[in-house]
C-alpha atoms as a PDB file:
ATOM      1  CA  MET A   1      24.929   0.372  -4.888  1.00  0.00           C
ATOM      2  CA  LYS A   2      22.827   1.410  -8.105  1.00  0.00           C
ATOM      3  CA  ARG A   3      20.274  -0.867  -7.139  1.00  0.00           C
ATOM      4  CA  THR A   4      19.781  -0.065  -3.482  1.00  0.00           C
ATOM      5  CA  LEU A   5      19.609   3.515  -4.738  1.00  0.00           C
ATOM      6  CA  PHE A   6      16.842   2.701  -7.111  1.00  0.00           C
ATOM      7  CA  ILE A   7      15.171   0.755  -4.417  1.00  0.00           C
ATOM      8  CA  SER A   8      15.331   3.361  -1.929  1.00  0.00           C
ATOM      9  CA  PHE A   9      14.367   6.107  -4.754  1.00  0.00           C
ATOM     10  CA  LEU A  10      10.911   3.994  -5.068  1.00  0.00           C
ATOM     11  CA  VAL A  11      10.237   3.464  -1.851  1.00  0.00           C
ATOM     12  CA  VAL A  12      10.764   7.269  -0.921  1.00  0.00           C
ATOM     13  CA  PHE A  13       8.710   8.281  -4.089  1.00  0.00           C
ATOM     14  CA  ASN A  14       5.603   5.999  -3.045  1.00  0.00           C
ATOM     15  CA  ILE A  15       5.623   7.511   0.667  1.00  0.00           C
ATOM     16  CA  VAL A  16       5.785  11.292  -1.142  1.00  0.00           C
ATOM     17  CA  ILE A  17       3.142  11.119  -3.308  1.00  0.00           C
ATOM     18  CA  ASP A  18       0.892   9.294  -0.422  1.00  0.00           C
ATOM     19  CA  GLN A  19       1.630  11.938   1.863  1.00  0.00           C
ATOM     20  CA  VAL A  20       1.265  15.089  -0.642  1.00  0.00           C
ATOM     21  CA  SER A  21      -2.515  13.287  -1.545  1.00  0.00           C
ATOM     22  CA  LYS A  22      -3.357  13.008   2.066  1.00  0.00           C
ATOM     23  CA  PHE A  23      -1.950  16.565   3.086  1.00  0.00           C
ATOM     24  CA  TRP A  24      -4.082  17.907   0.033  1.00  0.00           C
ATOM     25  CA  VAL A  25      -7.332  15.860   1.042  1.00  0.00           C
ATOM     26  CA  ARG A  26      -6.787  16.710   4.792  1.00  0.00           C
ATOM     27  CA  ALA A  27      -6.805  20.521   3.575  1.00  0.00           C
ATOM     28  CA  ASP A  28      -9.303  20.800   1.002  1.00  0.00           C
ATOM     29  CA  VAL A  29     -11.777  18.228   1.490  1.00  0.00           C
ATOM     30  CA  VAL A  30     -14.423  18.448   3.952  1.00  0.00           C
ATOM     31  CA  PRO A  31     -14.175  15.338   6.355  1.00  0.00           C
ATOM     32  CA  GLY A  32     -17.330  13.161   5.730  1.00  0.00           C
ATOM     33  CA  SER A  33     -17.724  14.501   2.249  1.00  0.00           C
ATOM     34  CA  GLU A  34     -18.501  12.845  -0.975  1.00  0.00           C
ATOM     35  CA  GLY A  35     -17.697  14.647  -4.290  1.00  0.00           C
ATOM     36  CA  SER A  36     -17.740  13.167  -7.777  1.00  0.00           C
ATOM     37  CA  ILE A  37     -14.402  13.283  -9.952  1.00  0.00           C
ATOM     38  CA  ILE A  38     -15.900  11.075 -12.575  1.00  0.00           C
ATOM     39  CA  GLY A  39     -19.755  10.926 -12.055  1.00  0.00           C
ATOM     40  CA  ASP A  40     -20.880   8.162  -9.366  1.00  0.00           C
ATOM     41  CA  TRP A  41     -18.207   5.972 -10.668  1.00  0.00           C
ATOM     42  CA  PHE A  42     -15.161   7.839  -9.294  1.00  0.00           C
ATOM     43  CA  THR A  43     -15.824   9.977  -5.868  1.00  0.00           C
ATOM     44  CA  LEU A  44     -13.703  11.663  -3.492  1.00  0.00           C
ATOM     45  CA  HIS A  45     -14.072  11.665   0.178  1.00  0.00           C
ATOM     46  CA  ASN A  46     -12.359  12.572   3.238  1.00  0.00           C
ATOM     47  CA  VAL A  47     -12.420   9.561   6.040  1.00  0.00           C
ATOM     48  CA  GLU A  48     -10.300   8.451   8.925  1.00  0.00           C
ATOM     49  CA  ASN A  49      -9.777   4.725   9.083  1.00  0.00           C
ATOM     50  CA  SER A  50      -8.569   3.585  12.542  1.00  0.00           C
ATOM     51  CA  GLY A  51      -8.080   0.050  11.324  1.00  0.00           C
ATOM     52  CA  ALA A  52      -6.342  -1.528   8.502  1.00  0.00           C
ATOM     53  CA  PHE A  53      -7.730  -2.652   4.982  1.00  0.00           C
ATOM     54  CA  LEU A  54     -11.035  -1.660   4.790  1.00  0.00           C
ATOM     55  CA  GLY A  55     -11.246  -0.402   8.592  1.00  0.00           C
ATOM     56  CA  MET A  56     -10.559  -4.386   9.790  1.00  0.00           C
ATOM     57  CA  GLY A  57      -9.326  -4.227  13.169  1.00  0.00           C
ATOM     58  CA  SER A  58     -10.730  -0.475  14.394  1.00  0.00           C
ATOM     59  CA  ASP A  59     -12.513  -2.006  17.107  1.00  0.00           C
ATOM     60  CA  PHE A  60      -9.251  -3.843  18.722  1.00  0.00           C
ATOM     61  CA  ASN A  61      -8.343  -2.905  22.324  1.00  0.00           C
ATOM     62  CA  PRO A  62      -5.347  -0.295  22.062  1.00  0.00           C
ATOM     63  CA  THR A  63      -2.844  -2.988  22.753  1.00  0.00           C
ATOM     64  CA  LEU A  64      -3.686  -5.379  20.048  1.00  0.00           C
ATOM     65  CA  LYS A  65      -3.856  -2.148  17.637  1.00  0.00           C
ATOM     66  CA  LEU A  66      -0.382  -1.277  18.566  1.00  0.00           C
ATOM     67  CA  ILE A  67       0.668  -5.093  17.800  1.00  0.00           C
ATOM     68  CA  VAL A  68      -1.207  -5.687  14.645  1.00  0.00           C
ATOM     69  CA  LEU A  69      -1.334  -2.524  13.075  1.00  0.00           C
ATOM     70  CA  LEU A  70       2.073  -0.703  14.102  1.00  0.00           C
ATOM     71  CA  ILE A  71       4.572  -3.311  14.988  1.00  0.00           C
ATOM     72  CA  VAL A  72       4.070  -6.544  12.823  1.00  0.00           C
ATOM     73  CA  PRO A  73       3.922  -4.080   9.782  1.00  0.00           C
ATOM     74  CA  VAL A  74       7.195  -2.434  10.583  1.00  0.00           C
ATOM     75  CA  ILE A  75       9.019  -5.887  11.202  1.00  0.00           C
ATOM     76  CA  VAL A  76       7.454  -7.220   8.359  1.00  0.00           C
ATOM     77  CA  LEU A  77       8.009  -4.108   5.709  1.00  0.00           C
ATOM     78  CA  GLY A  78      11.879  -3.980   7.176  1.00  0.00           C
ATOM     79  CA  TYR A  79      12.293  -7.672   6.818  1.00  0.00           C
ATOM     80  CA  VAL A  80      11.033  -7.425   2.947  1.00  0.00           C
ATOM     81  CA  LEU A  81      12.992  -4.160   2.480  1.00  0.00           C
ATOM     82  CA  TYR A  82      16.195  -6.363   3.455  1.00  0.00           C
ATOM     83  CA  TYR A  83      15.036  -9.196   1.393  1.00  0.00           C
ATOM     84  CA  ILE A  84      14.910  -7.112  -1.989  1.00  0.00           C
ATOM     85  CA  ILE A  85      18.300  -5.375  -1.092  1.00  0.00           C
ATOM     86  CA  THR A  86      19.917  -8.464  -0.271  1.00  0.00           C
ATOM     87  CA  ASN A  87      18.422 -10.959  -3.095  1.00  0.00           C
ATOM     88  CA  LYS A  88      20.156  -9.947  -6.078  1.00  0.00           C
ATOM     89  CA  GLN A  89      18.188 -13.016  -7.934  1.00  0.00           C
ATOM     90  CA  LEU A  90      14.911 -10.770  -7.751  1.00  0.00           C
ATOM     91  CA  ASP A  91      13.984 -10.020 -11.248  1.00  0.00           C
ATOM     92  CA  LYS A  92      13.191  -6.149 -11.884  1.00  0.00           C
ATOM     93  CA  LEU A  93       9.674  -6.143 -11.832  1.00  0.00           C
ATOM     94  CA  SER A  94       9.146  -8.267  -8.734  1.00  0.00           C
ATOM     95  CA  VAL A  95      11.915  -5.452  -6.919  1.00  0.00           C
ATOM     96  CA  ILE A  96       9.481  -2.707  -8.416  1.00  0.00           C
ATOM     97  CA  GLY A  97       6.594  -4.401  -6.829  1.00  0.00           C
ATOM     98  CA  PHE A  98       7.974  -5.191  -3.470  1.00  0.00           C
ATOM     99  CA  ALA A  99       9.548  -1.254  -3.236  1.00  0.00           C
ATOM    100  CA  CYS A 100       5.732  -0.012  -3.691  1.00  0.00           C
ATOM    101  CA  ILE A 101       4.375  -2.499  -1.164  1.00  0.00           C
ATOM    102  CA  ILE A 102       6.988  -1.315   1.095  1.00  0.00           C
ATOM    103  CA  GLY A 103       6.574   2.494   0.312  1.00  0.00           C
ATOM    104  CA  GLY A 104       2.581   2.151   0.709  1.00  0.00           C
ATOM    105  CA  GLY A 105       2.794   0.005   3.883  1.00  0.00           C
ATOM    106  CA  ALA A 106       5.287   2.548   5.052  1.00  0.00           C
ATOM    107  CA  ALA A 107       3.295   5.407   4.384  1.00  0.00           C
ATOM    108  CA  ASN A 108       0.131   4.212   5.825  1.00  0.00           C
ATOM    109  CA  VAL A 109       2.173   3.229   9.200  1.00  0.00           C
ATOM    110  CA  TYR A 110       3.508   6.796   9.407  1.00  0.00           C
ATOM    111  CA  ASP A 111      -0.269   8.186   9.294  1.00  0.00           C
ATOM    112  CA  ARG A 112      -1.268   5.671  12.064  1.00  0.00           C
ATOM    113  CA  ILE A 113       1.882   6.779  14.187  1.00  0.00           C
ATOM    114  CA  ARG A 114       1.259  10.564  13.659  1.00  0.00           C
ATOM    115  CA  TYR A 115      -2.620  10.891  13.662  1.00  0.00           C
ATOM    116  CA  GLY A 116      -3.946   7.791  15.072  1.00  0.00           C
ATOM    117  CA  SER A 117      -5.693   6.733  11.742  1.00  0.00           C
ATOM    118  CA  VAL A 118      -5.155   6.451   8.023  1.00  0.00           C
ATOM    119  CA  THR A 119      -6.678   8.992   5.427  1.00  0.00           C
ATOM    120  CA  ASP A 120      -9.200   7.586   2.600  1.00  0.00           C
ATOM    121  CA  PHE A 121     -10.345   9.320   0.067  1.00  0.00           C
ATOM    122  CA  PHE A 122     -10.875   7.475  -3.292  1.00  0.00           C
ATOM    123  CA  HIS A 123     -13.795   5.445  -4.200  1.00  0.00           C
ATOM    124  CA  LEU A 124     -14.648   3.249  -7.135  1.00  0.00           C
ATOM    125  CA  ASP A 125     -18.204   1.979  -7.975  1.00  0.00           C
ATOM    126  CA  PHE A 126     -18.833   0.802 -11.529  1.00  0.00           C
ATOM    127  CA  GLY A 127     -22.863   0.308 -10.925  1.00  0.00           C
ATOM    128  CA  GLY A 128     -22.725  -2.849  -8.931  1.00  0.00           C
ATOM    129  CA  ILE A 129     -20.601  -4.681 -10.980  1.00  0.00           C
ATOM    130  CA  PHE A 130     -17.314  -3.521  -9.043  1.00  0.00           C
ATOM    131  CA  ARG A 131     -16.989  -1.411  -6.336  1.00  0.00           C
ATOM    132  CA  THR A 132     -14.184  -0.547  -3.679  1.00  0.00           C
ATOM    133  CA  GLY A 133     -14.186   0.573  -0.460  1.00  0.00           C
ATOM    134  CA  ILE A 134     -12.575   3.823  -0.015  1.00  0.00           C
ATOM    135  CA  PHE A 135      -8.886   3.900  -0.579  1.00  0.00           C
ATOM    136  CA  ASN A 136      -5.839   6.162  -0.783  1.00  0.00           C
ATOM    137  CA  VAL A 137      -2.538   6.393  -3.012  1.00  0.00           C
ATOM    138  CA  ALA A 138      -0.826   4.256  -0.309  1.00  0.00           C
ATOM    139  CA  ASP A 139      -3.298   1.397  -0.685  1.00  0.00           C
ATOM    140  CA  MET A 140      -2.998   1.631  -4.665  1.00  0.00           C
ATOM    141  CA  SER A 141       0.819   1.485  -4.199  1.00  0.00           C
ATOM    142  CA  VAL A 142       0.557  -2.071  -2.226  1.00  0.00           C
ATOM    143  CA  THR A 143      -2.183  -3.245  -4.376  1.00  0.00           C
ATOM    144  CA  GLY A 144      -0.225  -2.292  -7.587  1.00  0.00           C
ATOM    145  CA  GLY A 145       2.963  -3.919  -5.929  1.00  0.00           C
ATOM    146  CA  MET A 146       1.105  -6.965  -5.526  1.00  0.00           C
ATOM    147  CA  ILE A 147       0.088  -7.359  -8.725  1.00  0.00           C
ATOM    148  CA  MET A 148       3.457  -6.516 -10.586  1.00  0.00           C
ATOM    149  CA  ILE A 149       4.755  -9.565  -7.960  1.00  0.00           C
ATOM    150  CA  LEU A 150       1.883 -11.816  -9.352  1.00  0.00           C
ATOM    151  CA  VAL A 151       2.513 -11.027 -12.746  1.00  0.00           C
ATOM    152  CA  ALA A 152       6.513 -11.722 -12.500  1.00  0.00           C
ATOM    153  CA  SER A 153       5.757 -14.577 -10.730  1.00  0.00           C
ATOM    154  CA  PHE A 154       4.055 -16.039 -14.243  1.00  0.00           C
ATOM    155  CA  LEU A 155       6.569 -14.161 -16.310  1.00  0.00           C
ATOM    156  CA  TYR A 156       9.834 -15.416 -14.741  1.00  0.00           C
ATOM    157  CA  LYS A 157       8.482 -18.697 -13.588  1.00  0.00           C
ATOM    158  CA  LYS A 158      11.940 -20.893 -13.025  1.00  0.00           C
ATOM    159  CA  PRO A 159      11.349 -24.481 -14.519  1.00  0.00           C
ATOM    160  CA  LYS A 160      10.848 -27.364 -12.063  1.00  0.00           C
ATOM    161  CA  PRO A 161      13.963 -29.768 -11.913  1.00  0.00           C
ATOM    162  CA  GLU A 162      13.238 -33.170 -13.481  1.00  0.00           C
ATOM    163  CA  ALA A 163      12.308 -36.271 -11.009  1.00  0.00           C
ATOM    164  CA  ALA A 164      15.367 -38.364 -10.379  1.00  0.00           C
ATOM    165  CA  LYS A 165      15.042 -41.406 -12.886  1.00  0.00           C
END
């Protein structure tokens, strides 16, 4: 029960911080604008993304968009939530990572249902060495969650069984 509450809290927390940040951007940042947070390295925008990551799928027909950007993600997020609640063998870092992915994914799905697009607003550009697309807090949750799961896979690697002789 305590573990399920922890997972639920993390999922809801990720949804809330994403939705609060998007509410602020929609209310206070002019659509299509670009402003500096830290020089040209970290900038603030307000763009609507009707596709998925980096706009992929934005040119799909409405039926394909519904399937690929709403139905499949809801099924996958539901399965992952079921998996992390029922699999008591998962290490804590993986549980946190999966909960961040579920929260971020659910927040972006909510936007697609409510607004027909996802509001993106952060951009990083380190002088051409490293540059991102425009992203949001939900994207940061998903990416951070994936990194946590990857790190956990190395930290908590199970030893391979020895081959039969």
